[in-house]
Amino acid sequence: MEKKEIALKIGKGALELFNKPENRELLIEIWNKNNEIKKLKIQSHTEIERIVKRYELCRNVLTLIFAERTKGLAAHYEALDKALASNDRELIINSLRGISTIIAQNPLESFSTLTAILNNEDETLKLDF
């Protein structure tokens, strides 16, 4: 059998199936379900991309928060070491205050605010530079 004959037989068989009302409704339902599945796949792909981007943003923000905190603590500890070496009482107290201030701050407080805004799609993210 030639390809042309096979194609004609398949086309004729499909037409016969579609011409029966009970089959037509079923085929239309299958078509609609297939389109719905395609839409859901696109939506899930889009949602996964959104989640990945949000994860990367949160990871970067946390990295920056803790890097800034570490840098601040390192500067205060360096000042404390110099103050201890020179026995500078005032500088020792100021260094300890600075360390205490950084330690007392909750580095995740601003992160919690950011994640709350990210979770609320109606909220506008305001950047304060």
N, C-alpha and C. Protein backbone atom coordinates (compact mmCIF):
# COMPACT_ATOMS: atom_id res chain seq x y z
N MET A 1 0.85 -1.17 0.00
CA MET A 1 0.00 0.00 0.00
C MET A 1 0.90 1.25 0.00
N GLU A 2 0.56 2.20 -0.82
CA GLU A 2 1.34 3.44 -0.91
C GLU A 2 0.98 4.37 0.24
N LYS A 3 1.88 5.32 0.46
CA LYS A 3 1.67 6.30 1.53
C LYS A 3 0.39 7.09 1.31
N LYS A 4 0.12 7.40 0.05
CA LYS A 4 -1.08 8.18 -0.27
C LYS A 4 -2.34 7.41 0.10
N GLU A 5 -2.36 6.13 -0.20
CA GLU A 5 -3.53 5.29 0.12
C GLU A 5 -3.70 5.18 1.64
N ILE A 6 -2.59 5.03 2.34
CA ILE A 6 -2.65 4.93 3.81
C ILE A 6 -3.20 6.23 4.39
N ALA A 7 -2.72 7.35 3.89
CA ALA A 7 -3.19 8.65 4.38
C ALA A 7 -4.67 8.83 4.10
N LEU A 8 -5.13 8.42 2.94
CA LEU A 8 -6.55 8.53 2.59
C LEU A 8 -7.40 7.65 3.50
N LYS A 9 -6.94 6.43 3.78
CA LYS A 9 -7.68 5.52 4.66
C LYS A 9 -7.79 6.11 6.07
N ILE A 10 -6.67 6.64 6.55
CA ILE A 10 -6.68 7.24 7.90
C ILE A 10 -7.62 8.43 7.93
N GLY A 11 -7.54 9.29 6.91
CA GLY A 11 -8.42 10.46 6.84
C GLY A 11 -9.88 10.07 6.77
N LYS A 12 -10.19 9.05 5.97
CA LYS A 12 -11.56 8.57 5.82
C LYS A 12 -12.07 8.00 7.15
N GLY A 13 -11.20 7.24 7.83
CA GLY A 13 -11.59 6.66 9.12
C GLY A 13 -11.84 7.74 10.16
N ALA A 14 -11.00 8.76 10.17
CA ALA A 14 -11.17 9.86 11.11
C ALA A 14 -12.45 10.62 10.83
N LEU A 15 -12.76 10.82 9.56
CA LEU A 15 -13.98 11.51 9.18
C LEU A 15 -15.22 10.72 9.60
N GLU A 16 -15.17 9.40 9.42
CA GLU A 16 -16.29 8.55 9.84
C GLU A 16 -16.48 8.62 11.35
N LEU A 17 -15.37 8.61 12.09
CA LEU A 17 -15.46 8.73 13.55
C LEU A 17 -16.07 10.07 13.94
N PHE A 18 -15.64 11.13 13.30
CA PHE A 18 -16.09 12.47 13.66
C PHE A 18 -17.54 12.70 13.27
N ASN A 19 -18.03 12.03 12.25
CA ASN A 19 -19.40 12.23 11.80
C ASN A 19 -20.43 11.61 12.75
N LYS A 20 -20.03 10.71 13.61
CA LYS A 20 -20.97 10.14 14.58
C LYS A 20 -21.07 11.12 15.76
N PRO A 21 -22.30 11.52 16.13
CA PRO A 21 -22.48 12.54 17.18
C PRO A 21 -21.81 12.15 18.51
N GLU A 22 -21.94 10.89 18.91
CA GLU A 22 -21.35 10.49 20.20
C GLU A 22 -19.81 10.58 20.16
N ASN A 23 -19.24 10.26 19.01
CA ASN A 23 -17.78 10.36 18.86
C ASN A 23 -17.33 11.82 18.76
N ARG A 24 -18.15 12.63 18.09
CA ARG A 24 -17.80 14.03 17.91
C ARG A 24 -17.67 14.72 19.27
N GLU A 25 -18.65 14.48 20.14
CA GLU A 25 -18.62 15.09 21.47
C GLU A 25 -17.40 14.62 22.26
N LEU A 26 -17.10 13.34 22.14
CA LEU A 26 -15.94 12.78 22.83
C LEU A 26 -14.64 13.38 22.29
N LEU A 27 -14.55 13.49 20.97
CA LEU A 27 -13.35 14.07 20.37
C LEU A 27 -13.18 15.54 20.74
N ILE A 28 -14.29 16.27 20.79
CA ILE A 28 -14.24 17.68 21.20
C ILE A 28 -13.79 17.78 22.65
N GLU A 29 -14.31 16.90 23.50
CA GLU A 29 -13.92 16.88 24.91
C GLU A 29 -12.43 16.56 25.05
N ILE A 30 -11.96 15.58 24.27
CA ILE A 30 -10.53 15.22 24.29
C ILE A 30 -9.69 16.42 23.85
N TRP A 31 -10.13 17.09 22.80
CA TRP A 31 -9.42 18.26 22.29
C TRP A 31 -9.35 19.36 23.37
N ASN A 32 -10.49 19.62 24.02
CA ASN A 32 -10.53 20.64 25.07
C ASN A 32 -9.64 20.27 26.25
N LYS A 33 -9.68 19.00 26.65
CA LYS A 33 -8.83 18.54 27.77
C LYS A 33 -7.35 18.67 27.40
N ASN A 34 -7.03 18.34 26.16
CA ASN A 34 -5.64 18.45 25.71
C ASN A 34 -5.17 19.91 25.76
N ASN A 35 -6.05 20.83 25.33
CA ASN A 35 -5.71 22.25 25.40
C ASN A 35 -5.55 22.72 26.84
N GLU A 36 -6.41 22.21 27.72
CA GLU A 36 -6.33 22.55 29.14
C GLU A 36 -5.01 22.05 29.73
N ILE A 37 -4.61 20.85 29.36
CA ILE A 37 -3.34 20.28 29.84
C ILE A 37 -2.18 21.14 29.36
N LYS A 38 -2.23 21.58 28.10
CA LYS A 38 -1.17 22.44 27.57
C LYS A 38 -1.07 23.74 28.37
N LYS A 39 -2.23 24.34 28.67
CA LYS A 39 -2.25 25.58 29.45
C LYS A 39 -1.65 25.35 30.84
N LEU A 40 -2.04 24.24 31.47
CA LEU A 40 -1.52 23.93 32.80
C LEU A 40 -0.01 23.71 32.78
N LYS A 41 0.49 23.08 31.73
CA LYS A 41 1.94 22.88 31.61
C LYS A 41 2.66 24.22 31.51
N ILE A 42 2.09 25.12 30.72
CA ILE A 42 2.69 26.45 30.57
C ILE A 42 2.64 27.20 31.90
N GLN A 43 1.49 27.13 32.59
CA GLN A 43 1.35 27.80 33.88
C GLN A 43 2.32 27.23 34.91
N SER A 44 2.46 25.91 34.94
CA SER A 44 3.36 25.30 35.92
C SER A 44 4.81 25.67 35.61
N HIS A 45 5.16 25.71 34.34
CA HIS A 45 6.52 26.11 33.95
C HIS A 45 6.79 27.56 34.38
N THR A 46 5.81 28.43 34.15
CA THR A 46 5.93 29.83 34.54
C THR A 46 6.05 29.96 36.05
N GLU A 47 5.25 29.19 36.78
CA GLU A 47 5.28 29.24 38.24
C GLU A 47 6.62 28.74 38.77
N ILE A 48 7.14 27.68 38.18
CA ILE A 48 8.45 27.16 38.60
C ILE A 48 9.53 28.20 38.36
N GLU A 49 9.48 28.87 37.22
CA GLU A 49 10.46 29.94 36.94
C GLU A 49 10.35 31.05 37.97
N ARG A 50 9.13 31.42 38.33
CA ARG A 50 8.92 32.48 39.32
C ARG A 50 9.49 32.06 40.68
N ILE A 51 9.26 30.82 41.06
CA ILE A 51 9.76 30.31 42.34
C ILE A 51 11.29 30.28 42.34
N VAL A 52 11.88 29.85 41.25
CA VAL A 52 13.35 29.79 41.16
C VAL A 52 13.94 31.20 41.27
N LYS A 53 13.34 32.16 40.57
CA LYS A 53 13.83 33.55 40.63
C LYS A 53 13.68 34.11 42.03
N ARG A 54 12.58 33.80 42.67
CA ARG A 54 12.36 34.28 44.04
C ARG A 54 13.38 33.66 44.99
N TYR A 55 13.64 32.37 44.82
CA TYR A 55 14.64 31.68 45.64
C TYR A 55 16.01 32.34 45.46
N GLU A 56 16.39 32.61 44.20
CA GLU A 56 17.68 33.23 43.94
C GLU A 56 17.77 34.62 44.56
N LEU A 57 16.68 35.38 44.46
CA LEU A 57 16.65 36.71 45.07
C LEU A 57 16.82 36.61 46.58
N CYS A 58 16.08 35.71 47.21
CA CYS A 58 16.17 35.54 48.67
C CYS A 58 17.56 35.09 49.08
N ARG A 59 18.14 34.17 48.33
CA ARG A 59 19.49 33.70 48.64
C ARG A 59 20.49 34.85 48.54
N ASN A 60 20.37 35.66 47.50
CA ASN A 60 21.28 36.80 47.33
C ASN A 60 21.10 37.83 48.44
N VAL A 61 19.86 38.10 48.81
CA VAL A 61 19.60 39.06 49.88
C VAL A 61 20.19 38.56 51.19
N LEU A 62 19.98 37.28 51.51
CA LEU A 62 20.55 36.72 52.74
C LEU A 62 22.08 36.78 52.73
N THR A 63 22.67 36.47 51.59
CA THR A 63 24.12 36.53 51.47
C THR A 63 24.62 37.95 51.73
N LEU A 64 23.94 38.94 51.15
CA LEU A 64 24.34 40.33 51.35
C LEU A 64 24.14 40.78 52.79
N ILE A 65 23.02 40.38 53.38
CA ILE A 65 22.75 40.77 54.78
C ILE A 65 23.85 40.25 55.69
N PHE A 66 24.18 38.97 55.56
CA PHE A 66 25.18 38.39 56.45
C PHE A 66 26.59 38.84 56.11
N ALA A 67 26.85 39.16 54.84
CA ALA A 67 28.17 39.68 54.47
C ALA A 67 28.38 41.06 55.08
N GLU A 68 27.34 41.89 55.03
CA GLU A 68 27.43 43.22 55.62
C GLU A 68 27.62 43.12 57.13
N ARG A 69 26.90 42.23 57.74
CA ARG A 69 27.01 42.02 59.20
C ARG A 69 28.42 41.54 59.55
N THR A 70 28.95 40.60 58.79
CA THR A 70 30.29 40.07 59.04
C THR A 70 31.34 41.16 58.88
N LYS A 71 31.18 41.98 57.85
CA LYS A 71 32.13 43.07 57.60
C LYS A 71 32.11 44.07 58.76
N GLY A 72 30.92 44.41 59.23
CA GLY A 72 30.79 45.33 60.36
C GLY A 72 31.42 44.77 61.63
N LEU A 73 31.14 43.50 61.90
CA LEU A 73 31.73 42.87 63.09
C LEU A 73 33.26 42.81 62.98
N ALA A 74 33.76 42.48 61.80
CA ALA A 74 35.21 42.40 61.61
C ALA A 74 35.87 43.74 61.88
N ALA A 75 35.24 44.83 61.43
CA ALA A 75 35.80 46.16 61.67
C ALA A 75 35.81 46.49 63.16
N HIS A 76 34.75 46.14 63.86
CA HIS A 76 34.69 46.42 65.31
C HIS A 76 35.70 45.55 66.07
N TYR A 77 35.84 44.30 65.68
CA TYR A 77 36.82 43.43 66.34
C TYR A 77 38.25 43.91 66.08
N GLU A 78 38.49 44.41 64.89
CA GLU A 78 39.82 44.95 64.57
C GLU A 78 40.10 46.17 65.44
N ALA A 79 39.09 47.04 65.57
CA ALA A 79 39.24 48.22 66.43
C ALA A 79 39.43 47.79 67.88
N LEU A 80 38.73 46.75 68.31
CA LEU A 80 38.87 46.25 69.67
C LEU A 80 40.27 45.71 69.91
N ASP A 81 40.80 44.97 68.95
CA ASP A 81 42.17 44.45 69.09
C ASP A 81 43.17 45.59 69.24
N LYS A 82 43.02 46.63 68.43
CA LYS A 82 43.93 47.79 68.53
C LYS A 82 43.76 48.50 69.88
N ALA A 83 42.50 48.62 70.32
CA ALA A 83 42.22 49.28 71.60
C ALA A 83 42.82 48.49 72.75
N LEU A 84 42.72 47.16 72.69
CA LEU A 84 43.30 46.32 73.74
C LEU A 84 44.82 46.42 73.73
N ALA A 85 45.39 46.47 72.54
CA ALA A 85 46.85 46.56 72.43
C ALA A 85 47.37 47.88 72.97
N SER A 86 46.59 48.95 72.75
CA SER A 86 47.03 50.27 73.24
C SER A 86 46.42 50.62 74.59
N ASN A 87 45.60 49.73 75.13
CA ASN A 87 44.95 49.92 76.42
C ASN A 87 44.09 51.19 76.43
N ASP A 88 43.41 51.45 75.30
CA ASP A 88 42.55 52.62 75.16
C ASP A 88 41.15 52.26 75.63
N ARG A 89 40.85 52.64 76.86
CA ARG A 89 39.59 52.26 77.51
C ARG A 89 38.37 52.75 76.73
N GLU A 90 38.39 53.99 76.27
CA GLU A 90 37.25 54.56 75.54
C GLU A 90 37.00 53.81 74.23
N LEU A 91 38.07 53.50 73.51
CA LEU A 91 37.93 52.77 72.25
C LEU A 91 37.46 51.33 72.49
N ILE A 92 37.91 50.74 73.60
CA ILE A 92 37.45 49.39 73.97
C ILE A 92 35.93 49.40 74.17
N ILE A 93 35.45 50.38 74.93
CA ILE A 93 34.02 50.48 75.22
C ILE A 93 33.22 50.73 73.93
N ASN A 94 33.71 51.65 73.09
CA ASN A 94 33.01 51.94 71.83
C ASN A 94 32.99 50.73 70.90
N SER A 95 34.10 49.99 70.85
CA SER A 95 34.16 48.79 70.01
C SER A 95 33.17 47.74 70.51
N LEU A 96 33.14 47.55 71.82
CA LEU A 96 32.21 46.57 72.40
C LEU A 96 30.76 46.98 72.18
N ARG A 97 30.48 48.29 72.26
CA ARG A 97 29.13 48.78 71.98
C ARG A 97 28.74 48.49 70.53
N GLY A 98 29.67 48.76 69.62
CA GLY A 98 29.41 48.50 68.21
C GLY A 98 29.14 47.03 67.96
N ILE A 99 29.96 46.16 68.56
CA ILE A 99 29.76 44.71 68.43
C ILE A 99 28.41 44.31 69.00
N SER A 100 28.11 44.85 70.18
CA SER A 100 26.84 44.53 70.84
C SER A 100 25.65 44.98 70.00
N THR A 101 25.75 46.15 69.41
CA THR A 101 24.65 46.67 68.57
C THR A 101 24.39 45.75 67.38
N ILE A 102 25.47 45.33 66.73
CA ILE A 102 25.32 44.44 65.57
C ILE A 102 24.75 43.10 65.99
N ILE A 103 25.27 42.55 67.09
CA ILE A 103 24.81 41.24 67.57
C ILE A 103 23.34 41.30 67.99
N ALA A 104 22.93 42.42 68.61
CA ALA A 104 21.56 42.54 69.12
C ALA A 104 20.54 42.67 67.98
N GLN A 105 20.98 43.16 66.83
CA GLN A 105 20.05 43.33 65.71
C GLN A 105 19.72 41.97 65.10
N ASN A 106 18.47 41.81 64.75
CA ASN A 106 18.04 40.58 64.08
C ASN A 106 18.24 40.76 62.58
N PRO A 107 19.21 40.06 62.00
CA PRO A 107 19.47 40.26 60.57
C PRO A 107 18.34 39.76 59.68
N LEU A 108 17.47 38.94 60.23
CA LEU A 108 16.39 38.39 59.42
C LEU A 108 15.12 39.24 59.47
N GLU A 109 15.14 40.31 60.29
CA GLU A 109 13.97 41.16 60.41
C GLU A 109 13.64 41.83 59.07
N SER A 110 14.65 42.41 58.44
CA SER A 110 14.41 43.05 57.14
C SER A 110 14.10 42.00 56.07
N PHE A 111 14.67 40.82 56.23
CA PHE A 111 14.40 39.74 55.29
C PHE A 111 12.95 39.29 55.41
N SER A 112 12.43 39.25 56.62
CA SER A 112 11.02 38.88 56.84
C SER A 112 10.09 39.88 56.15
N THR A 113 10.44 41.16 56.25
CA THR A 113 9.65 42.19 55.59
C THR A 113 9.67 41.99 54.08
N LEU A 114 10.85 41.71 53.54
CA LEU A 114 10.98 41.48 52.10
C LEU A 114 10.15 40.28 51.65
N THR A 115 10.25 39.18 52.37
CA THR A 115 9.49 37.98 51.97
C THR A 115 7.99 38.21 52.09
N ALA A 116 7.57 38.99 53.09
CA ALA A 116 6.14 39.30 53.22
C ALA A 116 5.65 40.10 52.01
N ILE A 117 6.47 41.05 51.56
CA ILE A 117 6.10 41.84 50.38
C ILE A 117 6.09 40.96 49.14
N LEU A 118 7.08 40.08 49.03
CA LEU A 118 7.13 39.18 47.86
C LEU A 118 5.94 38.23 47.83
N ASN A 119 5.48 37.82 49.01
CA ASN A 119 4.34 36.90 49.08
C ASN A 119 3.02 37.58 48.73
N ASN A 120 2.95 38.90 48.94
CA ASN A 120 1.73 39.64 48.67
C ASN A 120 1.83 40.26 47.28
N GLU A 121 1.15 39.68 46.32
CA GLU A 121 1.23 40.16 44.94
C GLU A 121 0.56 41.52 44.75
N ASP A 122 -0.29 41.92 45.70
CA ASP A 122 -0.95 43.22 45.61
C ASP A 122 -0.06 44.35 46.14
N GLU A 123 0.96 44.01 46.89
CA GLU A 123 1.86 44.99 47.50
C GLU A 123 2.89 45.46 46.47
N THR A 124 3.15 46.76 46.47
CA THR A 124 4.17 47.32 45.59
C THR A 124 5.49 47.34 46.34
N LEU A 125 6.52 46.83 45.69
CA LEU A 125 7.85 46.82 46.29
C LEU A 125 8.46 48.20 46.13
N LYS A 126 8.72 48.87 47.26
CA LYS A 126 9.31 50.22 47.24
C LYS A 126 10.78 50.10 47.57
N LEU A 127 11.61 50.58 46.66
CA LEU A 127 13.05 50.52 46.85
C LEU A 127 13.51 51.82 47.49
N ASP A 128 14.24 51.71 48.59
CA ASP A 128 14.72 52.87 49.33
C ASP A 128 16.24 52.88 49.26
N PHE A 129 16.77 53.75 48.41
CA PHE A 129 18.23 53.80 48.24
C PHE A 129 18.82 54.91 49.06
